Amino acid sequence: MYAVFEDGSHQYRVQEGDFIQVDRRQGPAGTDVVFSKVLLFAGDGEPTFGAPTIEGASVNAKIASHFRAKKIIIQKFRRRKNMRRRRGHRQYYTTVQITSFATAS
């Protein structure tokens, strides 16, 4: 059985036990997280599609760890204008483990 859910502007296809990386969530490791914008449930029988989401369905997860991505460099340059900018950025992420699905019954 798998589900597709939306978090922020990203969609994730997950099964129970999967580890995924989502944008930063508050809380220490071991805290429960609920994703309520479920777009699809599929498994043994017919898949269930949402329009746009499935009412009452959710994906439950547990925070595993927090980390920061590799630094990216943002450079801006305009020729002949003596304009140069250089900035770095490291995005915060959270690794979560999918624990269970709750379907609308």
PDB file of N, CA and C in Angstrom:
ATOM      1  N   MET A   1       0.845  -1.184   0.000  1.00  0.00           N
ATOM      2  CA  MET A   1       0.000   0.000   0.000  1.00  0.00           C
ATOM      3  C   MET A   1       0.886   1.242   0.000  1.00  0.00           C
ATOM      4  N   TYR A   2       0.502   2.233  -0.793  1.00  0.00           N
ATOM      5  CA  TYR A   2       1.256   3.476  -0.829  1.00  0.00           C
ATOM      6  C   TYR A   2       0.296   4.651  -0.908  1.00  0.00           C
ATOM      7  N   ALA A   3       0.831   5.825  -0.630  1.00  0.00           N
ATOM      8  CA  ALA A   3       0.029   7.050  -0.650  1.00  0.00           C
ATOM      9  C   ALA A   3       0.845   8.152  -1.303  1.00  0.00           C
ATOM     10  N   VAL A   4       0.139   9.126  -1.870  1.00  0.00           N
ATOM     11  CA  VAL A   4       0.758  10.338  -2.397  1.00  0.00           C
ATOM     12  C   VAL A   4       0.174  11.496  -1.604  1.00  0.00           C
ATOM     13  N   PHE A   5       1.039  12.292  -0.985  1.00  0.00           N
ATOM     14  CA  PHE A   5       0.556  13.430  -0.221  1.00  0.00           C
ATOM     15  C   PHE A   5       1.332  14.669  -0.619  1.00  0.00           C
ATOM     16  N   GLU A   6       0.773  15.829  -0.264  1.00  0.00           N
ATOM     17  CA  GLU A   6       1.392  17.111  -0.580  1.00  0.00           C
ATOM     18  C   GLU A   6       1.833  17.780   0.711  1.00  0.00           C
ATOM     19  N   ASP A   7       3.043  18.324   0.673  1.00  0.00           N
ATOM     20  CA  ASP A   7       3.564  19.075   1.811  1.00  0.00           C
ATOM     21  C   ASP A   7       4.279  20.286   1.245  1.00  0.00           C
ATOM     22  N   GLY A   8       3.779  21.465   1.552  1.00  0.00           N
ATOM     23  CA  GLY A   8       4.323  22.668   0.942  1.00  0.00           C
ATOM     24  C   GLY A   8       3.976  22.664  -0.528  1.00  0.00           C
ATOM     25  N   SER A   9       4.968  22.767  -1.379  1.00  0.00           N
ATOM     26  CA  SER A   9       4.721  22.716  -2.815  1.00  0.00           C
ATOM     27  C   SER A   9       5.265  21.424  -3.419  1.00  0.00           C
ATOM     28  N   HIS A  10       5.515  20.408  -2.588  1.00  0.00           N
ATOM     29  CA  HIS A  10       6.082  19.142  -3.056  1.00  0.00           C
ATOM     30  C   HIS A  10       5.087  18.017  -2.840  1.00  0.00           C
ATOM     31  N   GLN A  11       5.133  17.012  -3.723  1.00  0.00           N
ATOM     32  CA  GLN A  11       4.322  15.816  -3.575  1.00  0.00           C
ATOM     33  C   GLN A  11       5.252  14.627  -3.369  1.00  0.00           C
ATOM     34  N   TYR A  12       4.872  13.727  -2.462  1.00  0.00           N
ATOM     35  CA  TYR A  12       5.703  12.585  -2.102  1.00  0.00           C
ATOM     36  C   TYR A  12       4.895  11.306  -2.249  1.00  0.00           C
ATOM     37  N   ARG A  13       5.521  10.270  -2.820  1.00  0.00           N
ATOM     38  CA  ARG A  13       4.917   8.939  -2.893  1.00  0.00           C
ATOM     39  C   ARG A  13       5.619   8.088  -1.845  1.00  0.00           C
ATOM     40  N   VAL A  14       4.861   7.579  -0.863  1.00  0.00           N
ATOM     41  CA  VAL A  14       5.481   6.899   0.279  1.00  0.00           C
ATOM     42  C   VAL A  14       4.776   5.593   0.593  1.00  0.00           C
ATOM     43  N   GLN A  15       5.523   4.710   1.245  1.00  0.00           N
ATOM     44  CA  GLN A  15       5.009   3.481   1.833  1.00  0.00           C
ATOM     45  C   GLN A  15       5.375   3.492   3.306  1.00  0.00           C
ATOM     46  N   GLU A  16       4.773   2.597   4.070  1.00  0.00           N
ATOM     47  CA  GLU A  16       5.110   2.525   5.494  1.00  0.00           C
ATOM     48  C   GLU A  16       6.569   2.124   5.655  1.00  0.00           C
ATOM     49  N   GLY A  17       7.271   2.832   6.545  1.00  0.00           N
ATOM     50  CA  GLY A  17       8.674   2.552   6.804  1.00  0.00           C
ATOM     51  C   GLY A  17       9.644   3.387   5.987  1.00  0.00           C
ATOM     52  N   ASP A  18       9.150   4.138   4.997  1.00  0.00           N
ATOM     53  CA  ASP A  18      10.032   4.973   4.174  1.00  0.00           C
ATOM     54  C   ASP A  18      10.566   6.159   4.959  1.00  0.00           C
ATOM     55  N   PHE A  19      11.799   6.557   4.631  1.00  0.00           N
ATOM     56  CA  PHE A  19      12.386   7.782   5.149  1.00  0.00           C
ATOM     57  C   PHE A  19      12.366   8.803   4.022  1.00  0.00           C
ATOM     58  N   ILE A  20      11.824  10.003   4.287  1.00  0.00           N
ATOM     59  CA  ILE A  20      11.821  11.066   3.282  1.00  0.00           C
ATOM     60  C   ILE A  20      12.330  12.350   3.916  1.00  0.00           C
ATOM     61  N   GLN A  21      12.750  13.269   3.067  1.00  0.00           N
ATOM     62  CA  GLN A  21      13.241  14.563   3.542  1.00  0.00           C
ATOM     63  C   GLN A  21      12.238  15.634   3.149  1.00  0.00           C
ATOM     64  N   VAL A  22      11.730  16.349   4.153  1.00  0.00           N
ATOM     65  CA  VAL A  22      10.768  17.421   3.938  1.00  0.00           C
ATOM     66  C   VAL A  22      11.374  18.717   4.467  1.00  0.00           C
ATOM     67  N   ASP A  23      10.720  19.830   4.168  1.00  0.00           N
ATOM     68  CA  ASP A  23      11.186  21.102   4.705  1.00  0.00           C
ATOM     69  C   ASP A  23      11.148  21.062   6.226  1.00  0.00           C
ATOM     70  N   ARG A  24      11.917  21.913   6.844  1.00  0.00           N
ATOM     71  CA  ARG A  24      12.121  21.913   8.299  1.00  0.00           C
ATOM     72  C   ARG A  24      10.807  21.875   9.071  1.00  0.00           C
ATOM     73  N   ARG A  25      10.734  20.972  10.049  1.00  0.00           N
ATOM     74  CA  ARG A  25       9.618  20.872  10.984  1.00  0.00           C
ATOM     75  C   ARG A  25      10.137  21.126  12.382  1.00  0.00           C
ATOM     76  N   GLN A  26       9.348  21.771  13.195  1.00  0.00           N
ATOM     77  CA  GLN A  26       9.740  22.036  14.575  1.00  0.00           C
ATOM     78  C   GLN A  26       9.569  20.770  15.408  1.00  0.00           C
ATOM     79  N   GLY A  27      10.435  20.595  16.375  1.00  0.00           N
ATOM     80  CA  GLY A  27      10.307  19.491  17.311  1.00  0.00           C
ATOM     81  C   GLY A  27      11.533  18.608  17.316  1.00  0.00           C
ATOM     82  N   PRO A  28      11.790  17.969  18.436  1.00  0.00           N
ATOM     83  CA  PRO A  28      12.945  17.066  18.528  1.00  0.00           C
ATOM     84  C   PRO A  28      12.674  15.744  17.817  1.00  0.00           C
ATOM     85  N   ALA A  29      13.711  14.937  17.687  1.00  0.00           N
ATOM     86  CA  ALA A  29      13.563  13.611  17.083  1.00  0.00           C
ATOM     87  C   ALA A  29      12.594  12.772  17.911  1.00  0.00           C
ATOM     88  N   GLY A  30      11.736  12.038  17.238  1.00  0.00           N
ATOM     89  CA  GLY A  30      10.731  11.223  17.914  1.00  0.00           C
ATOM     90  C   GLY A  30       9.362  11.858  17.954  1.00  0.00           C
ATOM     91  N   THR A  31       9.245  13.134  17.595  1.00  0.00           N
ATOM     92  CA  THR A  31       7.956  13.822  17.585  1.00  0.00           C
ATOM     93  C   THR A  31       7.118  13.345  16.405  1.00  0.00           C
ATOM     94  N   ASP A  32       5.811  13.184  16.624  1.00  0.00           N
ATOM     95  CA  ASP A  32       4.908  12.753  15.565  1.00  0.00           C
ATOM     96  C   ASP A  32       4.530  13.921  14.668  1.00  0.00           C
ATOM     97  N   VAL A  33       4.398  13.630  13.357  1.00  0.00           N
ATOM     98  CA  VAL A  33       4.001  14.607  12.352  1.00  0.00           C
ATOM     99  C   VAL A  33       2.850  14.002  11.559  1.00  0.00           C
ATOM    100  N   VAL A  34       1.835  14.814  11.250  1.00  0.00           N
ATOM    101  CA  VAL A  34       0.691  14.344  10.472  1.00  0.00           C
ATOM    102  C   VAL A  34       0.596  15.166   9.192  1.00  0.00           C
ATOM    103  N   PHE A  35       0.557  14.478   8.061  1.00  0.00           N
ATOM    104  CA  PHE A  35       0.359  15.119   6.760  1.00  0.00           C
ATOM    105  C   PHE A  35      -1.086  14.848   6.347  1.00  0.00           C
ATOM    106  N   SER A  36      -1.884  15.905   6.257  1.00  0.00           N
ATOM    107  CA  SER A  36      -3.316  15.713   6.023  1.00  0.00           C
ATOM    108  C   SER A  36      -3.767  15.946   4.586  1.00  0.00           C
ATOM    109  N   LYS A  37      -2.899  16.453   3.728  1.00  0.00           N
ATOM    110  CA  LYS A  37      -3.269  16.686   2.322  1.00  0.00           C
ATOM    111  C   LYS A  37      -2.920  15.450   1.492  1.00  0.00           C
ATOM    112  N   VAL A  38      -3.726  14.400   1.640  1.00  0.00           N
ATOM    113  CA  VAL A  38      -3.490  13.142   0.932  1.00  0.00           C
ATOM    114  C   VAL A  38      -4.214  13.202  -0.410  1.00  0.00           C
ATOM    115  N   LEU A  39      -3.475  12.956  -1.492  1.00  0.00           N
ATOM    116  CA  LEU A  39      -4.027  13.041  -2.835  1.00  0.00           C
ATOM    117  C   LEU A  39      -4.434  11.684  -3.397  1.00  0.00           C
ATOM    118  N   LEU A  40      -3.799  10.592  -2.928  1.00  0.00           N
ATOM    119  CA  LEU A  40      -4.045   9.266  -3.485  1.00  0.00           C
ATOM    120  C   LEU A  40      -3.702   8.190  -2.478  1.00  0.00           C
ATOM    121  N   PHE A  41      -4.548   7.170  -2.390  1.00  0.00           N
ATOM    122  CA  PHE A  41      -4.244   5.939  -1.673  1.00  0.00           C
ATOM    123  C   PHE A  41      -4.348   4.802  -2.668  1.00  0.00           C
ATOM    124  N   ALA A  42      -3.375   3.919  -2.710  1.00  0.00           N
ATOM    125  CA  ALA A  42      -3.423   2.766  -3.605  1.00  0.00           C
ATOM    126  C   ALA A  42      -2.824   1.580  -2.884  1.00  0.00           C
ATOM    127  N   GLY A  43      -3.295   0.408  -3.270  1.00  0.00           N
ATOM    128  CA  GLY A  43      -2.786  -0.798  -2.629  1.00  0.00           C
ATOM    129  C   GLY A  43      -3.267  -2.014  -3.365  1.00  0.00           C
ATOM    130  N   ASP A  44      -3.930  -2.913  -2.648  1.00  0.00           N
ATOM    131  CA  ASP A  44      -4.373  -4.176  -3.230  1.00  0.00           C
ATOM    132  C   ASP A  44      -5.506  -3.969  -4.245  1.00  0.00           C
ATOM    133  N   GLY A  45      -6.514  -3.218  -3.869  1.00  0.00           N
ATOM    134  CA  GLY A  45      -7.672  -3.031  -4.733  1.00  0.00           C
ATOM    135  C   GLY A  45      -7.567  -1.792  -5.595  1.00  0.00           C
ATOM    136  N   GLU A  46      -8.699  -1.177  -5.834  1.00  0.00           N
ATOM    137  CA  GLU A  46      -8.759   0.039  -6.639  1.00  0.00           C
ATOM    138  C   GLU A  46      -8.145   1.214  -5.872  1.00  0.00           C
ATOM    139  N   PRO A  47      -7.428   2.094  -6.569  1.00  0.00           N
ATOM    140  CA  PRO A  47      -6.884   3.278  -5.894  1.00  0.00           C
ATOM    141  C   PRO A  47      -7.985   4.285  -5.574  1.00  0.00           C
ATOM    142  N   THR A  48      -7.766   5.074  -4.528  1.00  0.00           N
ATOM    143  CA  THR A  48      -8.694   6.127  -4.128  1.00  0.00           C
ATOM    144  C   THR A  48      -8.048   7.462  -4.450  1.00  0.00           C
ATOM    145  N   PHE A  49      -8.733   8.238  -5.297  1.00  0.00           N
ATOM    146  CA  PHE A  49      -8.227   9.542  -5.702  1.00  0.00           C
ATOM    147  C   PHE A  49      -8.975  10.634  -4.963  1.00  0.00           C
ATOM    148  N   GLY A  50      -8.280  11.711  -4.647  1.00  0.00           N
ATOM    149  CA  GLY A  50      -8.917  12.859  -4.022  1.00  0.00           C
ATOM    150  C   GLY A  50      -9.286  13.893  -5.061  1.00  0.00           C
ATOM    151  N   ALA A  51     -10.203  14.766  -4.696  1.00  0.00           N
ATOM    152  CA  ALA A  51     -10.624  15.829  -5.611  1.00  0.00           C
ATOM    153  C   ALA A  51     -10.706  17.141  -4.852  1.00  0.00           C
ATOM    154  N   PRO A  52      -9.655  17.856  -4.546  1.00  0.00           N
ATOM    155  CA  PRO A  52      -8.251  17.525  -4.791  1.00  0.00           C
ATOM    156  C   PRO A  52      -7.632  16.640  -3.712  1.00  0.00           C
ATOM    157  N   THR A  53      -8.215  16.596  -2.505  1.00  0.00           N
ATOM    158  CA  THR A  53      -7.660  15.742  -1.454  1.00  0.00           C
ATOM    159  C   THR A  53      -8.726  14.768  -0.974  1.00  0.00           C
ATOM    160  N   ILE A  54      -8.283  13.718  -0.270  1.00  0.00           N
ATOM    161  CA  ILE A  54      -9.188  12.736   0.302  1.00  0.00           C
ATOM    162  C   ILE A  54      -9.593  13.228   1.684  1.00  0.00           C
ATOM    163  N   GLU A  55     -10.875  13.425   1.904  1.00  0.00           N
ATOM    164  CA  GLU A  55     -11.374  13.935   3.184  1.00  0.00           C
ATOM    165  C   GLU A  55     -11.126  12.922   4.296  1.00  0.00           C
ATOM    166  N   GLY A  56     -10.557  13.374   5.410  1.00  0.00           N
ATOM    167  CA  GLY A  56     -10.352  12.542   6.583  1.00  0.00           C
ATOM    168  C   GLY A  56      -9.151  11.620   6.514  1.00  0.00           C
ATOM    169  N   ALA A  57      -8.414  11.626   5.422  1.00  0.00           N
ATOM    170  CA  ALA A  57      -7.245  10.759   5.293  1.00  0.00           C
ATOM    171  C   ALA A  57      -5.992  11.502   5.748  1.00  0.00           C
ATOM    172  N   SER A  58      -5.019  10.753   6.258  1.00  0.00           N
ATOM    173  CA  SER A  58      -3.772  11.368   6.686  1.00  0.00           C
ATOM    174  C   SER A  58      -2.634  10.360   6.618  1.00  0.00           C
ATOM    175  N   VAL A  59      -1.427  10.882   6.567  1.00  0.00           N
ATOM    176  CA  VAL A  59      -0.214  10.074   6.610  1.00  0.00           C
ATOM    177  C   VAL A  59       0.507  10.464   7.892  1.00  0.00           C
ATOM    178  N   ASN A  60       0.782   9.486   8.740  1.00  0.00           N
ATOM    179  CA  ASN A  60       1.446   9.730  10.019  1.00  0.00           C
ATOM    180  C   ASN A  60       2.923   9.396   9.905  1.00  0.00           C
ATOM    181  N   ALA A  61       3.748  10.254  10.499  1.00  0.00           N
ATOM    182  CA  ALA A  61       5.199  10.069  10.433  1.00  0.00           C
ATOM    183  C   ALA A  61       5.821  10.462  11.758  1.00  0.00           C
ATOM    184  N   LYS A  62       7.100  10.126  11.899  1.00  0.00           N
ATOM    185  CA  LYS A  62       7.861  10.441  13.101  1.00  0.00           C
ATOM    186  C   LYS A  62       9.161  11.109  12.666  1.00  0.00           C
ATOM    187  N   ILE A  63       9.525  12.204  13.330  1.00  0.00           N
ATOM    188  CA  ILE A  63      10.757  12.910  12.985  1.00  0.00           C
ATOM    189  C   ILE A  63      11.954  12.042  13.358  1.00  0.00           C
ATOM    190  N   ALA A  64      12.850  11.827  12.379  1.00  0.00           N
ATOM    191  CA  ALA A  64      14.053  11.029  12.617  1.00  0.00           C
ATOM    192  C   ALA A  64      15.249  11.931  12.922  1.00  0.00           C
ATOM    193  N   SER A  65      15.435  13.002  12.130  1.00  0.00           N
ATOM    194  CA  SER A  65      16.581  13.887  12.353  1.00  0.00           C
ATOM    195  C   SER A  65      16.385  15.195  11.604  1.00  0.00           C
ATOM    196  N   HIS A  66      17.229  16.158  11.934  1.00  0.00           N
ATOM    197  CA  HIS A  66      17.265  17.451  11.251  1.00  0.00           C
ATOM    198  C   HIS A  66      18.650  17.603  10.625  1.00  0.00           C
ATOM    199  N   PHE A  67      18.712  18.272   9.491  1.00  0.00           N
ATOM    200  CA  PHE A  67      20.007  18.534   8.883  1.00  0.00           C
ATOM    201  C   PHE A  67      19.900  19.734   7.955  1.00  0.00           C
ATOM    202  N   ARG A  68      21.064  20.202   7.511  1.00  0.00           N
ATOM    203  CA  ARG A  68      21.140  21.302   6.552  1.00  0.00           C
ATOM    204  C   ARG A  68      21.783  20.786   5.275  1.00  0.00           C
ATOM    205  N   ALA A  69      21.275  21.247   4.150  1.00  0.00           N
ATOM    206  CA  ALA A  69      21.791  20.804   2.856  1.00  0.00           C
ATOM    207  C   ALA A  69      23.152  21.430   2.581  1.00  0.00           C
ATOM    208  N   LYS A  70      23.776  20.972   1.536  1.00  0.00           N
ATOM    209  CA  LYS A  70      25.047  21.515   1.107  1.00  0.00           C
ATOM    210  C   LYS A  70      24.861  22.982   0.712  1.00  0.00           C
ATOM    211  N   LYS A  71      25.886  23.804   0.966  1.00  0.00           N
ATOM    212  CA  LYS A  71      25.785  25.230   0.659  1.00  0.00           C
ATOM    213  C   LYS A  71      25.740  25.452  -0.847  1.00  0.00           C
ATOM    214  N   ILE A  72      24.813  26.338  -1.255  1.00  0.00           N
ATOM    215  CA  ILE A  72      24.780  26.772  -2.647  1.00  0.00           C
ATOM    216  C   ILE A  72      25.207  28.233  -2.690  1.00  0.00           C
ATOM    217  N   ILE A  73      25.832  28.622  -3.777  1.00  0.00           N
ATOM    218  CA  ILE A  73      26.324  29.988  -3.951  1.00  0.00           C
ATOM    219  C   ILE A  73      25.443  30.698  -4.964  1.00  0.00           C
ATOM    220  N   ILE A  74      24.965  31.873  -4.597  1.00  0.00           N
ATOM    221  CA  ILE A  74      24.159  32.696  -5.482  1.00  0.00           C
ATOM    222  C   ILE A  74      25.020  33.882  -5.899  1.00  0.00           C
ATOM    223  N   GLN A  75      25.249  34.014  -7.200  1.00  0.00           N
ATOM    224  CA  GLN A  75      26.050  35.116  -7.713  1.00  0.00           C
ATOM    225  C   GLN A  75      25.220  35.942  -8.676  1.00  0.00           C
ATOM    226  N   LYS A  76      25.322  37.253  -8.539  1.00  0.00           N
ATOM    227  CA  LYS A  76      24.693  38.175  -9.472  1.00  0.00           C
ATOM    228  C   LYS A  76      25.788  39.051 -10.065  1.00  0.00           C
ATOM    229  N   PHE A  77      25.689  39.302 -11.351  1.00  0.00           N
ATOM    230  CA  PHE A  77      26.722  40.064 -12.035  1.00  0.00           C
ATOM    231  C   PHE A  77      26.079  40.848 -13.168  1.00  0.00           C
ATOM    232  N   ARG A  78      26.395  42.119 -13.237  1.00  0.00           N
ATOM    233  CA  ARG A  78      25.951  42.945 -14.363  1.00  0.00           C
ATOM    234  C   ARG A  78      27.183  43.527 -15.027  1.00  0.00           C
ATOM    235  N   ARG A  79      27.350  43.232 -16.249  1.00  0.00           N
ATOM    236  CA  ARG A  79      28.556  43.669 -16.947  1.00  0.00           C
ATOM    237  C   ARG A  79      28.594  45.182 -17.091  1.00  0.00           C
ATOM    238  N   ARG A  80      29.765  45.689 -16.998  1.00  0.00           N
ATOM    239  CA  ARG A  80      30.064  47.118 -17.167  1.00  0.00           C
ATOM    240  C   ARG A  80      29.377  48.016 -16.136  1.00  0.00           C
ATOM    241  N   LYS A  81      28.815  47.494 -15.081  1.00  0.00           N
ATOM    242  CA  LYS A  81      28.114  48.317 -14.085  1.00  0.00           C
ATOM    243  C   LYS A  81      28.791  48.270 -12.716  1.00  0.00           C
ATOM    244  N   ASN A  82      29.920  47.572 -12.615  1.00  0.00           N
ATOM    245  CA  ASN A  82      30.627  47.416 -11.344  1.00  0.00           C
ATOM    246  C   ASN A  82      29.702  46.844 -10.264  1.00  0.00           C
ATOM    247  N   MET A  83      28.848  45.869 -10.647  1.00  0.00           N
ATOM    248  CA  MET A  83      27.892  45.272  -9.714  1.00  0.00           C
ATOM    249  C   MET A  83      28.154  43.763  -9.630  1.00  0.00           C
ATOM    250  N   ARG A  84      28.580  43.315  -8.462  1.00  0.00           N
ATOM    251  CA  ARG A  84      28.800  41.895  -8.218  1.00  0.00           C
ATOM    252  C   ARG A  84      28.281  41.575  -6.822  1.00  0.00           C
ATOM    253  N   ARG A  85      27.494  40.522  -6.712  1.00  0.00           N
ATOM    254  CA  ARG A  85      26.986  40.068  -5.411  1.00  0.00           C
ATOM    255  C   ARG A  85      27.241  38.573  -5.292  1.00  0.00           C
ATOM    256  N   ARG A  86      27.656  38.148  -4.118  1.00  0.00           N
ATOM    257  CA  ARG A  86      27.905  36.729  -3.873  1.00  0.00           C
ATOM    258  C   ARG A  86      27.340  36.386  -2.504  1.00  0.00           C
ATOM    259  N   ARG A  87      26.398  35.471  -2.483  1.00  0.00           N
ATOM    260  CA  ARG A  87      25.755  35.058  -1.234  1.00  0.00           C
ATOM    261  C   ARG A  87      25.698  33.540  -1.174  1.00  0.00           C
ATOM    262  N   GLY A  88      25.721  33.011   0.018  1.00  0.00           N
ATOM    263  CA  GLY A  88      25.575  31.576   0.215  1.00  0.00           C
ATOM    264  C   GLY A  88      24.279  31.278   0.949  1.00  0.00           C
ATOM    265  N   HIS A  89      23.791  30.036   0.780  1.00  0.00           N
ATOM    266  CA  HIS A  89      22.546  29.633   1.444  1.00  0.00           C
ATOM    267  C   HIS A  89      22.595  28.145   1.742  1.00  0.00           C
ATOM    268  N   ARG A  90      22.167  27.762   2.945  1.00  0.00           N
ATOM    269  CA  ARG A  90      22.022  26.356   3.313  1.00  0.00           C
ATOM    270  C   ARG A  90      20.595  26.142   3.794  1.00  0.00           C
ATOM    271  N   GLN A  91      19.856  25.298   3.099  1.00  0.00           N
ATOM    272  CA  GLN A  91      18.454  25.037   3.410  1.00  0.00           C
ATOM    273  C   GLN A  91      18.346  24.039   4.558  1.00  0.00           C
ATOM    274  N   TYR A  92      17.385  24.252   5.456  1.00  0.00           N
ATOM    275  CA  TYR A  92      17.105  23.333   6.560  1.00  0.00           C
ATOM    276  C   TYR A  92      16.116  22.272   6.101  1.00  0.00           C
ATOM    277  N   TYR A  93      16.385  21.018   6.454  1.00  0.00           N
ATOM    278  CA  TYR A  93      15.494  19.907   6.130  1.00  0.00           C
ATOM    279  C   TYR A  93      15.279  19.040   7.359  1.00  0.00           C
ATOM    280  N   THR A  94      14.219  18.241   7.315  1.00  0.00           N
ATOM    281  CA  THR A  94      13.922  17.278   8.360  1.00  0.00           C
ATOM    282  C   THR A  94      13.708  15.919   7.712  1.00  0.00           C
ATOM    283  N   THR A  95      14.312  14.883   8.261  1.00  0.00           N
ATOM    284  CA  THR A  95      14.084  13.527   7.794  1.00  0.00           C
ATOM    285  C   THR A  95      12.988  12.918   8.659  1.00  0.00           C
ATOM    286  N   VAL A  96      11.939  12.398   8.008  1.00  0.00           N
ATOM    287  CA  VAL A  96      10.840  11.771   8.729  1.00  0.00           C
ATOM    288  C   VAL A  96      10.685  10.325   8.257  1.00  0.00           C
ATOM    289  N   GLN A  97      10.207   9.469   9.164  1.00  0.00           N
ATOM    290  CA  GLN A  97       9.918   8.081   8.831  1.00  0.00           C
ATOM    291  C   GLN A  97       8.404   7.909   8.828  1.00  0.00           C
ATOM    292  N   ILE A  98       7.858   7.353   7.762  1.00  0.00           N
ATOM    293  CA  ILE A  98       6.420   7.121   7.643  1.00  0.00           C
ATOM    294  C   ILE A  98       6.054   5.958   8.528  1.00  0.00           C
ATOM    295  N   THR A  99       5.101   6.180   9.441  1.00  0.00           N
ATOM    296  CA  THR A  99       4.729   5.111  10.376  1.00  0.00           C
ATOM    297  C   THR A  99       3.414   4.429  10.003  1.00  0.00           C
ATOM    298  N   SER A 100       2.416   5.202   9.555  1.00  0.00           N
ATOM    299  CA  SER A 100       1.126   4.593   9.238  1.00  0.00           C
ATOM    300  C   SER A 100       0.280   5.501   8.360  1.00  0.00           C
ATOM    301  N   PHE A 101      -0.783   4.915   7.807  1.00  0.00           N
ATOM    302  CA  PHE A 101      -1.761   5.644   7.029  1.00  0.00           C
ATOM    303  C   PHE A 101      -3.090   5.597   7.763  1.00  0.00           C
ATOM    304  N   ALA A 102      -3.839   6.680   7.694  1.00  0.00           N
ATOM    305  CA  ALA A 102      -5.194   6.694   8.252  1.00  0.00           C
ATOM    306  C   ALA A 102      -6.139   7.060   7.117  1.00  0.00           C
ATOM    307  N   THR A 103      -7.010   6.119   6.765  1.00  0.00           N
ATOM    308  CA  THR A 103      -7.935   6.349   5.666  1.00  0.00           C
ATOM    309  C   THR A 103      -9.271   6.823   6.186  1.00  0.00           C
ATOM    310  N   ALA A 104     -10.017   7.484   5.324  1.00  0.00           N
ATOM    311  CA  ALA A 104     -11.368   7.934   5.678  1.00  0.00           C
ATOM    312  C   ALA A 104     -12.304   6.753   5.519  1.00  0.00           C
ATOM    313  N   SER A 105     -12.897   6.299   6.614  1.00  0.00           N
ATOM    314  CA  SER A 105     -13.787   5.126   6.541  1.00  0.00           C
ATOM    315  C   SER A 105     -15.217   5.528   6.835  1.00  0.00           C
TER     316      SER A 105
END
